[in-house]
Amino acid sequence: MKKILAIFPTLVLIVIFIMGIFMYSTNQKLAINYLVVSVAGTFIYTPVALFISGIASEGSGDFVKWKQISTKLKVYYLYLAGIWVVDIIIAMYFMTHN
Protein backbone atom coordinates (compact mmCIF):
# COMPACT_ATOMS: atom_id res chain seq x y z
CA MET A 1 0.00 0.00 0.00
CA LYS A 2 2.84 2.39 0.77
CA LYS A 3 4.34 1.88 -2.68
CA ILE A 4 1.01 2.64 -4.36
CA LEU A 5 0.78 5.90 -2.43
CA ALA A 6 4.31 6.76 -3.51
CA ILE A 7 3.57 6.01 -7.17
CA PHE A 8 0.22 7.83 -7.26
CA PRO A 9 1.67 11.37 -7.67
CA THR A 10 3.68 10.26 -10.71
CA LEU A 11 0.54 8.83 -12.28
CA VAL A 12 -1.31 12.10 -11.65
CA LEU A 13 1.54 14.09 -13.20
CA ILE A 14 1.58 11.77 -16.23
CA VAL A 15 -2.16 12.37 -16.70
CA ILE A 16 -1.57 16.14 -16.47
CA PHE A 17 1.17 15.83 -19.09
CA ILE A 18 -1.15 13.94 -21.45
CA MET A 19 -3.87 16.56 -20.90
CA GLY A 20 -1.34 19.26 -21.79
CA ILE A 21 -0.44 17.47 -25.02
CA PHE A 22 -4.11 17.21 -26.03
CA MET A 23 -4.79 20.82 -25.06
CA TYR A 24 -1.87 22.14 -27.11
CA SER A 25 -3.93 22.39 -30.31
CA THR A 26 -6.70 24.44 -28.69
CA ASN A 27 -5.06 26.65 -26.06
CA GLN A 28 -1.28 26.78 -26.27
CA LYS A 29 -0.68 29.10 -23.31
CA LEU A 30 -2.65 26.93 -20.89
CA ALA A 31 -1.20 23.73 -22.35
CA ILE A 32 2.36 24.95 -21.78
CA ASN A 33 1.51 25.49 -18.11
CA TYR A 34 0.21 21.92 -17.82
CA LEU A 35 3.30 20.54 -19.54
CA VAL A 36 5.73 22.55 -17.42
CA VAL A 37 4.00 21.66 -14.15
CA SER A 38 3.97 17.96 -14.98
CA VAL A 39 7.59 17.81 -16.15
CA ALA A 40 8.89 19.91 -13.26
CA GLY A 41 6.78 17.96 -10.77
CA THR A 42 8.08 14.58 -11.87
CA PHE A 43 11.61 15.96 -12.12
CA ILE A 44 11.47 17.00 -8.45
CA TYR A 45 9.24 14.27 -6.98
CA THR A 46 10.85 11.17 -8.50
CA PRO A 47 14.40 11.53 -7.09
CA VAL A 48 13.00 12.56 -3.72
CA ALA A 49 10.76 9.47 -3.64
CA LEU A 50 13.68 7.28 -4.70
CA PHE A 51 15.88 8.75 -1.98
CA ILE A 52 13.31 8.46 0.81
CA SER A 53 12.23 4.93 -0.11
CA GLY A 54 15.87 3.90 -0.53
CA ILE A 55 16.74 5.20 2.94
CA ALA A 56 13.69 3.43 4.41
CA SER A 57 14.57 0.16 2.65
CA GLU A 58 18.18 0.37 3.78
CA GLY A 59 17.10 1.00 7.35
CA SER A 60 14.84 -2.03 7.35
CA GLY A 61 17.57 -4.24 5.89
CA ASP A 62 16.02 -4.84 2.46
CA PHE A 63 19.19 -3.94 0.53
CA VAL A 64 21.55 -6.82 1.00
CA LYS A 65 22.13 -7.74 -2.65
CA TRP A 66 20.15 -7.00 -5.80
CA LYS A 67 19.35 -10.71 -6.25
CA GLN A 68 17.84 -10.89 -2.76
CA ILE A 69 15.49 -7.93 -3.21
CA SER A 70 11.85 -8.85 -3.80
CA THR A 71 10.35 -8.47 -7.25
CA LYS A 72 7.89 -5.83 -6.01
CA LEU A 73 10.72 -3.59 -4.83
CA LYS A 74 12.62 -4.11 -8.07
CA VAL A 75 9.59 -3.10 -10.12
CA TYR A 76 9.01 -0.09 -7.88
CA TYR A 77 12.58 1.22 -8.14
CA LEU A 78 12.81 0.50 -11.87
CA TYR A 79 9.49 2.30 -12.43
CA LEU A 80 10.65 5.41 -10.59
CA ALA A 81 14.06 5.37 -12.26
CA GLY A 82 12.43 4.89 -15.67
CA ILE A 83 10.03 7.76 -15.10
CA TRP A 84 12.96 9.95 -14.08
CA VAL A 85 14.94 9.06 -17.22
CA VAL A 86 11.94 9.68 -19.48
CA ASP A 87 11.33 12.99 -17.72
CA ILE A 88 14.92 14.09 -18.31
CA ILE A 89 14.62 13.20 -22.00
CA ILE A 90 11.35 15.17 -22.29
CA ALA A 91 12.92 18.16 -20.52
CA MET A 92 15.89 18.05 -22.90
CA TYR A 93 13.48 17.93 -25.85
CA PHE A 94 11.63 20.99 -24.56
CA MET A 95 14.89 22.86 -24.03
CA THR A 96 16.12 22.23 -27.56
CA HIS A 97 12.85 22.69 -29.47
CA ASN A 98 11.27 25.70 -27.77
PDB file of N, CA and C in Angstrom:
ATOM      1  N   MET A   1       0.820  -1.198   0.000  1.00  0.00           N
ATOM      2  CA  MET A   1       0.000   0.000   0.000  1.00  0.00           C
ATOM      3  C   MET A   1       0.860   1.256   0.000  1.00  0.00           C
ATOM      4  N   LYS A   2       1.978   1.220   0.710  1.00  0.00           N
ATOM      5  CA  LYS A   2       2.841   2.390   0.767  1.00  0.00           C
ATOM      6  C   LYS A   2       3.435   2.705  -0.601  1.00  0.00           C
ATOM      7  N   LYS A   3       3.761   1.667  -1.354  1.00  0.00           N
ATOM      8  CA  LYS A   3       4.339   1.880  -2.680  1.00  0.00           C
ATOM      9  C   LYS A   3       3.314   2.480  -3.628  1.00  0.00           C
ATOM     10  N   ILE A   4       2.057   2.076  -3.512  1.00  0.00           N
ATOM     11  CA  ILE A   4       1.005   2.636  -4.357  1.00  0.00           C
ATOM     12  C   ILE A   4       0.835   4.119  -4.057  1.00  0.00           C
ATOM     13  N   LEU A   5       0.882   4.480  -2.789  1.00  0.00           N
ATOM     14  CA  LEU A   5       0.781   5.896  -2.431  1.00  0.00           C
ATOM     15  C   LEU A   5       1.976   6.694  -2.926  1.00  0.00           C
ATOM     16  N   ALA A   6       3.128   6.066  -3.011  1.00  0.00           N
ATOM     17  CA  ALA A   6       4.312   6.764  -3.509  1.00  0.00           C
ATOM     18  C   ALA A   6       4.278   6.906  -5.026  1.00  0.00           C
ATOM     19  N   ILE A   7       3.649   5.957  -5.721  1.00  0.00           N
ATOM     20  CA  ILE A   7       3.575   6.005  -7.174  1.00  0.00           C
ATOM     21  C   ILE A   7       2.429   6.897  -7.654  1.00  0.00           C
ATOM     22  N   PHE A   8       1.400   7.071  -6.861  1.00  0.00           N
ATOM     23  CA  PHE A   8       0.215   7.826  -7.264  1.00  0.00           C
ATOM     24  C   PHE A   8       0.528   9.237  -7.777  1.00  0.00           C
ATOM     25  N   PRO A   9       1.389  10.037  -7.117  1.00  0.00           N
ATOM     26  CA  PRO A   9       1.674  11.372  -7.668  1.00  0.00           C
ATOM     27  C   PRO A   9       2.291  11.338  -9.066  1.00  0.00           C
ATOM     28  N   THR A  10       3.112  10.334  -9.356  1.00  0.00           N
ATOM     29  CA  THR A  10       3.677  10.260 -10.705  1.00  0.00           C
ATOM     30  C   THR A  10       2.594   9.963 -11.732  1.00  0.00           C
ATOM     31  N   LEU A  11       1.640   9.127 -11.358  1.00  0.00           N
ATOM     32  CA  LEU A  11       0.542   8.830 -12.282  1.00  0.00           C
ATOM     33  C   LEU A  11      -0.310  10.073 -12.534  1.00  0.00           C
ATOM     34  N   VAL A  12      -0.553  10.854 -11.493  1.00  0.00           N
ATOM     35  CA  VAL A  12      -1.315  12.101 -11.649  1.00  0.00           C
ATOM     36  C   VAL A  12      -0.559  13.068 -12.560  1.00  0.00           C
ATOM     37  N   LEU A  13       0.742  13.192 -12.367  1.00  0.00           N
ATOM     38  CA  LEU A  13       1.540  14.092 -13.201  1.00  0.00           C
ATOM     39  C   LEU A  13       1.619  13.609 -14.645  1.00  0.00           C
ATOM     40  N   ILE A  14       1.602  12.299 -14.863  1.00  0.00           N
ATOM     41  CA  ILE A  14       1.580  11.772 -16.229  1.00  0.00           C
ATOM     42  C   ILE A  14       0.253  12.108 -16.898  1.00  0.00           C
ATOM     43  N   VAL A  15      -0.848  12.005 -16.154  1.00  0.00           N
ATOM     44  CA  VAL A  15      -2.164  12.372 -16.698  1.00  0.00           C
ATOM     45  C   VAL A  15      -2.205  13.861 -17.037  1.00  0.00           C
ATOM     46  N   ILE A  16      -1.631  14.698 -16.194  1.00  0.00           N
ATOM     47  CA  ILE A  16      -1.574  16.141 -16.470  1.00  0.00           C
ATOM     48  C   ILE A  16      -0.747  16.405 -17.724  1.00  0.00           C
ATOM     49  N   PHE A  17       0.340  15.678 -17.895  1.00  0.00           N
ATOM     50  CA  PHE A  17       1.173  15.827 -19.091  1.00  0.00           C
ATOM     51  C   PHE A  17       0.388  15.462 -20.344  1.00  0.00           C
ATOM     52  N   ILE A  18      -0.347  14.356 -20.290  1.00  0.00           N
ATOM     53  CA  ILE A  18      -1.150  13.936 -21.447  1.00  0.00           C
ATOM     54  C   ILE A  18      -2.244  14.949 -21.745  1.00  0.00           C
ATOM     55  N   MET A  19      -2.860  15.508 -20.693  1.00  0.00           N
ATOM     56  CA  MET A  19      -3.867  16.558 -20.898  1.00  0.00           C
ATOM     57  C   MET A  19      -3.243  17.769 -21.580  1.00  0.00           C
ATOM     58  N   GLY A  20      -2.026  18.131 -21.167  1.00  0.00           N
ATOM     59  CA  GLY A  20      -1.336  19.263 -21.789  1.00  0.00           C
ATOM     60  C   GLY A  20      -1.047  19.022 -23.257  1.00  0.00           C
ATOM     61  N   ILE A  21      -0.699  17.783 -23.610  1.00  0.00           N
ATOM     62  CA  ILE A  21      -0.441  17.466 -25.018  1.00  0.00           C
ATOM     63  C   ILE A  21      -1.726  17.603 -25.834  1.00  0.00           C
ATOM     64  N   PHE A  22      -2.839  17.108 -25.313  1.00  0.00           N
ATOM     65  CA  PHE A  22      -4.106  17.210 -26.033  1.00  0.00           C
ATOM     66  C   PHE A  22      -4.626  18.644 -26.087  1.00  0.00           C
ATOM     67  N   MET A  23      -4.317  19.436 -25.084  1.00  0.00           N
ATOM     68  CA  MET A  23      -4.786  20.820 -25.058  1.00  0.00           C
ATOM     69  C   MET A  23      -3.945  21.736 -25.940  1.00  0.00           C
ATOM     70  N   TYR A  24      -2.792  21.287 -26.376  1.00  0.00           N
ATOM     71  CA  TYR A  24      -1.868  22.144 -27.106  1.00  0.00           C
ATOM     72  C   TYR A  24      -2.473  22.686 -28.397  1.00  0.00           C
ATOM     73  N   SER A  25      -3.336  21.931 -29.055  1.00  0.00           N
ATOM     74  CA  SER A  25      -3.927  22.390 -30.311  1.00  0.00           C
ATOM     75  C   SER A  25      -5.005  23.444 -30.098  1.00  0.00           C
ATOM     76  N   THR A  26      -5.618  23.482 -28.921  1.00  0.00           N
ATOM     77  CA  THR A  26      -6.702  24.441 -28.689  1.00  0.00           C
ATOM     78  C   THR A  26      -6.243  25.686 -27.937  1.00  0.00           C
ATOM     79  N   ASN A  27      -5.470  25.518 -26.876  1.00  0.00           N
ATOM     80  CA  ASN A  27      -5.058  26.653 -26.057  1.00  0.00           C
ATOM     81  C   ASN A  27      -3.588  26.461 -25.664  1.00  0.00           C
ATOM     82  N   GLN A  28      -2.695  27.046 -26.454  1.00  0.00           N
ATOM     83  CA  GLN A  28      -1.276  26.781 -26.269  1.00  0.00           C
ATOM     84  C   GLN A  28      -0.732  27.336 -24.957  1.00  0.00           C
ATOM     85  N   LYS A  29      -1.205  28.502 -24.539  1.00  0.00           N
ATOM     86  CA  LYS A  29      -0.677  29.100 -23.308  1.00  0.00           C
ATOM     87  C   LYS A  29      -1.015  28.249 -22.085  1.00  0.00           C
ATOM     88  N   LEU A  30      -2.239  27.776 -22.015  1.00  0.00           N
ATOM     89  CA  LEU A  30      -2.645  26.925 -20.895  1.00  0.00           C
ATOM     90  C   LEU A  30      -1.983  25.552 -20.972  1.00  0.00           C
ATOM     91  N   ALA A  31      -1.828  25.041 -22.179  1.00  0.00           N
ATOM     92  CA  ALA A  31      -1.204  23.728 -22.354  1.00  0.00           C
ATOM     93  C   ALA A  31       0.253  23.750 -21.920  1.00  0.00           C
ATOM     94  N   ILE A  32       0.953  24.836 -22.206  1.00  0.00           N
ATOM     95  CA  ILE A  32       2.355  24.950 -21.784  1.00  0.00           C
ATOM     96  C   ILE A  32       2.441  24.903 -20.261  1.00  0.00           C
ATOM     97  N   ASN A  33       1.508  25.537 -19.579  1.00  0.00           N
ATOM     98  CA  ASN A  33       1.507  25.493 -18.110  1.00  0.00           C
ATOM     99  C   ASN A  33       1.332  24.067 -17.606  1.00  0.00           C
ATOM    100  N   TYR A  34       0.423  23.317 -18.216  1.00  0.00           N
ATOM    101  CA  TYR A  34       0.213  21.920 -17.818  1.00  0.00           C
ATOM    102  C   TYR A  34       1.477  21.096 -18.060  1.00  0.00           C
ATOM    103  N   LEU A  35       2.093  21.300 -19.216  1.00  0.00           N
ATOM    104  CA  LEU A  35       3.299  20.542 -19.541  1.00  0.00           C
ATOM    105  C   LEU A  35       4.445  20.868 -18.590  1.00  0.00           C
ATOM    106  N   VAL A  36       4.631  22.140 -18.303  1.00  0.00           N
ATOM    107  CA  VAL A  36       5.728  22.554 -17.416  1.00  0.00           C
ATOM    108  C   VAL A  36       5.501  22.042 -15.996  1.00  0.00           C
ATOM    109  N   VAL A  37       4.284  22.140 -15.499  1.00  0.00           N
ATOM    110  CA  VAL A  37       3.997  21.657 -14.146  1.00  0.00           C
ATOM    111  C   VAL A  37       4.235  20.161 -14.045  1.00  0.00           C
ATOM    112  N   SER A  38       3.801  19.413 -15.050  1.00  0.00           N
ATOM    113  CA  SER A  38       3.968  17.962 -14.978  1.00  0.00           C
ATOM    114  C   SER A  38       5.433  17.553 -15.093  1.00  0.00           C
ATOM    115  N   VAL A  39       6.181  18.169 -15.993  1.00  0.00           N
ATOM    116  CA  VAL A  39       7.591  17.807 -16.153  1.00  0.00           C
ATOM    117  C   VAL A  39       8.393  18.235 -14.926  1.00  0.00           C
ATOM    118  N   ALA A  40       8.165  19.443 -14.448  1.00  0.00           N
ATOM    119  CA  ALA A  40       8.890  19.914 -13.256  1.00  0.00           C
ATOM    120  C   ALA A  40       8.498  19.105 -12.025  1.00  0.00           C
ATOM    121  N   GLY A  41       7.231  18.751 -11.916  1.00  0.00           N
ATOM    122  CA  GLY A  41       6.784  17.964 -10.773  1.00  0.00           C
ATOM    123  C   GLY A  41       7.411  16.590 -10.723  1.00  0.00           C
ATOM    124  N   THR A  42       7.442  15.905 -11.864  1.00  0.00           N
ATOM    125  CA  THR A  42       8.075  14.581 -11.868  1.00  0.00           C
ATOM    126  C   THR A  42       9.583  14.690 -11.724  1.00  0.00           C
ATOM    127  N   PHE A  43      10.163  15.763 -12.240  1.00  0.00           N
ATOM    128  CA  PHE A  43      11.609  15.958 -12.117  1.00  0.00           C
ATOM    129  C   PHE A  43      12.018  16.155 -10.663  1.00  0.00           C
ATOM    130  N   ILE A  44      11.158  16.771  -9.868  1.00  0.00           N
ATOM    131  CA  ILE A  44      11.466  16.996  -8.450  1.00  0.00           C
ATOM    132  C   ILE A  44      11.010  15.816  -7.596  1.00  0.00           C
ATOM    133  N   TYR A  45       9.811  15.304  -7.852  1.00  0.00           N
ATOM    134  CA  TYR A  45       9.242  14.274  -6.979  1.00  0.00           C
ATOM    135  C   TYR A  45       9.960  12.930  -7.089  1.00  0.00           C
ATOM    136  N   THR A  46      10.306  12.515  -8.296  1.00  0.00           N
ATOM    137  CA  THR A  46      10.853  11.175  -8.498  1.00  0.00           C
ATOM    138  C   THR A  46      12.157  10.930  -7.751  1.00  0.00           C
ATOM    139  N   PRO A  47      13.171  11.810  -7.859  1.00  0.00           N
ATOM    140  CA  PRO A  47      14.398  11.532  -7.088  1.00  0.00           C
ATOM    141  C   PRO A  47      14.186  11.610  -5.582  1.00  0.00           C
ATOM    142  N   VAL A  48      13.291  12.477  -5.156  1.00  0.00           N
ATOM    143  CA  VAL A  48      13.000  12.564  -3.715  1.00  0.00           C
ATOM    144  C   VAL A  48      12.350  11.268  -3.238  1.00  0.00           C
ATOM    145  N   ALA A  49      11.403  10.746  -4.006  1.00  0.00           N
ATOM    146  CA  ALA A  49      10.756   9.472  -3.642  1.00  0.00           C
ATOM    147  C   ALA A  49      11.757   8.327  -3.658  1.00  0.00           C
ATOM    148  N   LEU A  50      12.645   8.319  -4.651  1.00  0.00           N
ATOM    149  CA  LEU A  50      13.680   7.284  -4.697  1.00  0.00           C
ATOM    150  C   LEU A  50      14.589   7.362  -3.480  1.00  0.00           C
ATOM    151  N   PHE A  51      14.988   8.566  -3.120  1.00  0.00           N
ATOM    152  CA  PHE A  51      15.882   8.747  -1.981  1.00  0.00           C
ATOM    153  C   PHE A  51      15.219   8.316  -0.678  1.00  0.00           C
ATOM    154  N   ILE A  52      13.998   8.775  -0.445  1.00  0.00           N
ATOM    155  CA  ILE A  52      13.315   8.461   0.812  1.00  0.00           C
ATOM    156  C   ILE A  52      13.019   6.970   0.909  1.00  0.00           C
ATOM    157  N   SER A  53      12.525   6.369  -0.164  1.00  0.00           N
ATOM    158  CA  SER A  53      12.232   4.933  -0.105  1.00  0.00           C
ATOM    159  C   SER A  53      13.514   4.116  -0.028  1.00  0.00           C
ATOM    160  N   GLY A  54      14.590   4.593  -0.644  1.00  0.00           N
ATOM    161  CA  GLY A  54      15.870   3.899  -0.529  1.00  0.00           C
ATOM    162  C   GLY A  54      16.413   3.933   0.879  1.00  0.00           C
ATOM    163  N   ILE A  55      16.300   5.080   1.538  1.00  0.00           N
ATOM    164  CA  ILE A  55      16.741   5.200   2.936  1.00  0.00           C
ATOM    165  C   ILE A  55      15.883   4.300   3.830  1.00  0.00           C
ATOM    166  N   ALA A  56      14.575   4.274   3.594  1.00  0.00           N
ATOM    167  CA  ALA A  56      13.692   3.428   4.406  1.00  0.00           C
ATOM    168  C   ALA A  56      13.994   1.945   4.181  1.00  0.00           C
ATOM    169  N   SER A  57      14.250   1.557   2.935  1.00  0.00           N
ATOM    170  CA  SER A  57      14.565   0.160   2.653  1.00  0.00           C
ATOM    171  C   SER A  57      15.912  -0.239   3.243  1.00  0.00           C
ATOM    172  N   GLU A  58      16.871   0.661   3.199  1.00  0.00           N
ATOM    173  CA  GLU A  58      18.181   0.371   3.784  1.00  0.00           C
ATOM    174  C   GLU A  58      18.077   0.240   5.298  1.00  0.00           C
ATOM    175  N   GLY A  59      17.272   1.069   5.904  1.00  0.00           N
ATOM    176  CA  GLY A  59      17.101   1.001   7.349  1.00  0.00           C
ATOM    177  C   GLY A  59      16.419  -0.274   7.808  1.00  0.00           C
ATOM    178  N   SER A  60      15.532  -0.800   6.971  1.00  0.00           N
ATOM    179  CA  SER A  60      14.841  -2.034   7.350  1.00  0.00           C
ATOM    180  C   SER A  60      15.610  -3.286   6.938  1.00  0.00           C
ATOM    181  N   GLY A  61      16.733  -3.108   6.253  1.00  0.00           N
ATOM    182  CA  GLY A  61      17.569  -4.242   5.886  1.00  0.00           C
ATOM    183  C   GLY A  61      17.176  -4.921   4.591  1.00  0.00           C
ATOM    184  N   ASP A  62      16.438  -4.242   3.724  1.00  0.00           N
ATOM    185  CA  ASP A  62      16.022  -4.845   2.457  1.00  0.00           C
ATOM    186  C   ASP A  62      17.149  -4.898   1.423  1.00  0.00           C
ATOM    187  N   PHE A  63      18.133  -4.016   1.536  1.00  0.00           N
ATOM    188  CA  PHE A  63      19.193  -3.943   0.531  1.00  0.00           C
ATOM    189  C   PHE A  63      20.414  -4.738   0.971  1.00  0.00           C
ATOM    190  N   VAL A  64      20.371  -6.009   0.757  1.00  0.00           N
ATOM    191  CA  VAL A  64      21.551  -6.825   1.003  1.00  0.00           C
ATOM    192  C   VAL A  64      22.285  -6.999  -0.323  1.00  0.00           C
ATOM    193  N   LYS A  65      21.622  -7.597  -1.295  1.00  0.00           N
ATOM    194  CA  LYS A  65      22.129  -7.736  -2.652  1.00  0.00           C
ATOM    195  C   LYS A  65      20.943  -7.606  -3.598  1.00  0.00           C
ATOM    196  N   TRP A  66      21.225  -7.207  -4.835  1.00  0.00           N
ATOM    197  CA  TRP A  66      20.149  -7.004  -5.804  1.00  0.00           C
ATOM    198  C   TRP A  66      19.369  -8.288  -6.039  1.00  0.00           C
ATOM    199  N   LYS A  67      20.029  -9.437  -6.006  1.00  0.00           N
ATOM    200  CA  LYS A  67      19.351 -10.707  -6.247  1.00  0.00           C
ATOM    201  C   LYS A  67      18.409 -11.077  -5.098  1.00  0.00           C
ATOM    202  N   GLN A  68      18.660 -10.549  -3.919  1.00  0.00           N
ATOM    203  CA  GLN A  68      17.836 -10.893  -2.763  1.00  0.00           C
ATOM    204  C   GLN A  68      16.660  -9.935  -2.553  1.00  0.00           C
ATOM    205  N   ILE A  69      16.592  -8.884  -3.340  1.00  0.00           N
ATOM    206  CA  ILE A  69      15.488  -7.927  -3.211  1.00  0.00           C
ATOM    207  C   ILE A  69      14.246  -8.533  -3.857  1.00  0.00           C
ATOM    208  N   SER A  70      13.096  -8.296  -3.260  1.00  0.00           N
ATOM    209  CA  SER A  70      11.845  -8.851  -3.800  1.00  0.00           C
ATOM    210  C   SER A  70      11.518  -8.224  -5.154  1.00  0.00           C
ATOM    211  N   THR A  71      10.726  -8.934  -5.922  1.00  0.00           N
ATOM    212  CA  THR A  71      10.351  -8.468  -7.255  1.00  0.00           C
ATOM    213  C   THR A  71       9.532  -7.181  -7.182  1.00  0.00           C
ATOM    214  N   LYS A  72       8.698  -7.049  -6.161  1.00  0.00           N
ATOM    215  CA  LYS A  72       7.895  -5.834  -6.013  1.00  0.00           C
ATOM    216  C   LYS A  72       8.777  -4.608  -5.832  1.00  0.00           C
ATOM    217  N   LEU A  73       9.811  -4.723  -5.019  1.00  0.00           N
ATOM    218  CA  LEU A  73      10.718  -3.591  -4.827  1.00  0.00           C
ATOM    219  C   LEU A  73      11.512  -3.290  -6.095  1.00  0.00           C
ATOM    220  N   LYS A  74      11.907  -4.329  -6.820  1.00  0.00           N
ATOM    221  CA  LYS A  74      12.623  -4.108  -8.070  1.00  0.00           C
ATOM    222  C   LYS A  74      11.761  -3.356  -9.072  1.00  0.00           C
ATOM    223  N   VAL A  75      10.511  -3.773  -9.198  1.00  0.00           N
ATOM    224  CA  VAL A  75       9.591  -3.100 -10.120  1.00  0.00           C
ATOM    225  C   VAL A  75       9.375  -1.656  -9.684  1.00  0.00           C
ATOM    226  N   TYR A  76       9.221  -1.435  -8.405  1.00  0.00           N
ATOM    227  CA  TYR A  76       9.008  -0.088  -7.878  1.00  0.00           C
ATOM    228  C   TYR A  76      10.183   0.828  -8.199  1.00  0.00           C
ATOM    229  N   TYR A  77      11.402   0.379  -7.902  1.00  0.00           N
ATOM    230  CA  TYR A  77      12.577   1.216  -8.143  1.00  0.00           C
ATOM    231  C   TYR A  77      12.844   1.394  -9.632  1.00  0.00           C
ATOM    232  N   LEU A  78      12.628   0.362 -10.433  1.00  0.00           N
ATOM    233  CA  LEU A  78      12.809   0.500 -11.870  1.00  0.00           C
ATOM    234  C   LEU A  78      11.761   1.426 -12.483  1.00  0.00           C
ATOM    235  N   TYR A  79      10.530   1.379 -11.960  1.00  0.00           N
ATOM    236  CA  TYR A  79       9.491   2.304 -12.435  1.00  0.00           C
ATOM    237  C   TYR A  79       9.886   3.745 -12.153  1.00  0.00           C
ATOM    238  N   LEU A  80      10.284   4.035 -10.922  1.00  0.00           N
ATOM    239  CA  LEU A  80      10.654   5.406 -10.587  1.00  0.00           C
ATOM    240  C   LEU A  80      11.884   5.864 -11.365  1.00  0.00           C
ATOM    241  N   ALA A  81      12.871   4.997 -11.499  1.00  0.00           N
ATOM    242  CA  ALA A  81      14.064   5.370 -12.261  1.00  0.00           C
ATOM    243  C   ALA A  81      13.722   5.569 -13.735  1.00  0.00           C
ATOM    244  N   GLY A  82      12.849   4.736 -14.275  1.00  0.00           N
ATOM    245  CA  GLY A  82      12.428   4.886 -15.667  1.00  0.00           C
ATOM    246  C   GLY A  82      11.666   6.177 -15.904  1.00  0.00           C
ATOM    247  N   ILE A  83      10.773   6.504 -14.985  1.00  0.00           N
ATOM    248  CA  ILE A  83      10.029   7.760 -15.098  1.00  0.00           C
ATOM    249  C   ILE A  83      10.989   8.956 -15.054  1.00  0.00           C
ATOM    250  N   TRP A  84      11.991   8.862 -14.197  1.00  0.00           N
ATOM    251  CA  TRP A  84      12.960   9.950 -14.084  1.00  0.00           C
ATOM    252  C   TRP A  84      13.762  10.104 -15.374  1.00  0.00           C
ATOM    253  N   VAL A  85      14.180   9.011 -15.973  1.00  0.00           N
ATOM    254  CA  VAL A  85      14.937   9.064 -17.224  1.00  0.00           C
ATOM    255  C   VAL A  85      14.074   9.633 -18.347  1.00  0.00           C
ATOM    256  N   VAL A  86      12.850   9.159 -18.459  1.00  0.00           N
ATOM    257  CA  VAL A  86      11.943   9.679 -19.484  1.00  0.00           C
ATOM    258  C   VAL A  86      11.690  11.166 -19.268  1.00  0.00           C
ATOM    259  N   ASP A  87      11.550  11.581 -18.033  1.00  0.00           N
ATOM    260  CA  ASP A  87      11.330  12.991 -17.720  1.00  0.00           C
ATOM    261  C   ASP A  87      12.533  13.839 -18.128  1.00  0.00           C
ATOM    262  N   ILE A  88      13.728  13.352 -17.899  1.00  0.00           N
ATOM    263  CA  ILE A  88      14.923  14.089 -18.310  1.00  0.00           C
ATOM    264  C   ILE A  88      14.983  14.210 -19.829  1.00  0.00           C
ATOM    265  N   ILE A  89      14.630  13.153 -20.538  1.00  0.00           N
ATOM    266  CA  ILE A  89      14.620  13.201 -22.003  1.00  0.00           C
ATOM    267  C   ILE A  89      13.583  14.200 -22.507  1.00  0.00           C
ATOM    268  N   ILE A  90      12.392  14.215 -21.902  1.00  0.00           N
ATOM    269  CA  ILE A  90      11.355  15.171 -22.294  1.00  0.00           C
ATOM    270  C   ILE A  90      11.805  16.593 -21.994  1.00  0.00           C
ATOM    271  N   ALA A  91      12.432  16.821 -20.854  1.00  0.00           N
ATOM    272  CA  ALA A  91      12.922  18.155 -20.522  1.00  0.00           C
ATOM    273  C   ALA A  91      13.993  18.601 -21.514  1.00  0.00           C
ATOM    274  N   MET A  92      14.867  17.699 -21.917  1.00  0.00           N
ATOM    275  CA  MET A  92      15.888  18.046 -22.903  1.00  0.00           C
ATOM    276  C   MET A  92      15.245  18.366 -24.258  1.00  0.00           C
ATOM    277  N   TYR A  93      14.204  17.653 -24.624  1.00  0.00           N
ATOM    278  CA  TYR A  93      13.481  17.934 -25.852  1.00  0.00           C
ATOM    279  C   TYR A  93      12.866  19.337 -25.811  1.00  0.00           C
ATOM    280  N   PHE A  94      12.226  19.672 -24.690  1.00  0.00           N
ATOM    281  CA  PHE A  94      11.630  20.989 -24.565  1.00  0.00           C
ATOM    282  C   PHE A  94      12.676  22.097 -24.612  1.00  0.00           C
ATOM    283  N   MET A  95      13.833  21.843 -24.025  1.00  0.00           N
ATOM    284  CA  MET A  95      14.895  22.859 -24.031  1.00  0.00           C
ATOM    285  C   MET A  95      15.442  23.102 -25.429  1.00  0.00           C
ATOM    286  N   THR A  96      15.523  22.068 -26.233  1.00  0.00           N
ATOM    287  CA  THR A  96      16.119  22.231 -27.561  1.00  0.00           C
ATOM    288  C   THR A  96      15.125  22.650 -28.626  1.00  0.00           C
ATOM    289  N   HIS A  97      13.837  22.405 -28.421  1.00  0.00           N
ATOM    290  CA  HIS A  97      12.850  22.691 -29.466  1.00  0.00           C
ATOM    291  C   HIS A  97      11.930  23.856 -29.148  1.00  0.00           C
ATOM    292  N   ASN A  98      12.145  24.548 -28.068  1.00  0.00           N
ATOM    293  CA  ASN A  98      11.274  25.699 -27.768  1.00  0.00           C
ATOM    294  C   ASN A  98      12.104  26.956 -27.640  1.00  0.00           C
TER     295      ASN A  98
END
